Amino acid sequence: MLQTDKKVEEFLLLRRQQVTLFRRHYHTAKRAFDVLVCLGSLPIVLPLALLLALLIWLDDPGPVLYRQRRTGKGGNRFTMYKFRTMDPNADALKETYAHLNELTWPDFKISADPRITRVGRFLRKTSLDELPQLC
């Protein structure tokens, strides 16, 4: 009986090592694929991103990108970038428009949000505001 338990433990240990090795190779291959797709799409994405950045700046001078800290897988914090679709001081205006909030605090949503810029409406409708997250 003891010898059988030892064989089972050895098998489980070997299996765990194989799974760990597979995951490592999978993550490496996935990252390589992501980088290659990003580099391959740059000739199309870069001119479009520059055009959108110019339109955002012409519509409402200020920063072109919106930066926010988010929590990802495993509780790891990362910085997320999007094209700015709202007034630069939109966070400060939350209190002014708190009475229009359709969700319970701390979530904040207004259907016809007055803080959204003209170009921002188009970017959100087409999801082009997410373009900086591509690469």
Foldseek 3Di string as FASTA:
>chain_A
DVVVVVVVVVVVVVVVVVVVVVVVVVVVVVVVVLVVVVVVCCVPLVVVVVVLLVVLCVQANDDQKDWDWDADPPRDIDIAIFGDFFHPCVVVCCVVCVVQAPDDPPDGDHPPDPRGTPSSVVCVVVVVRRSVVSD
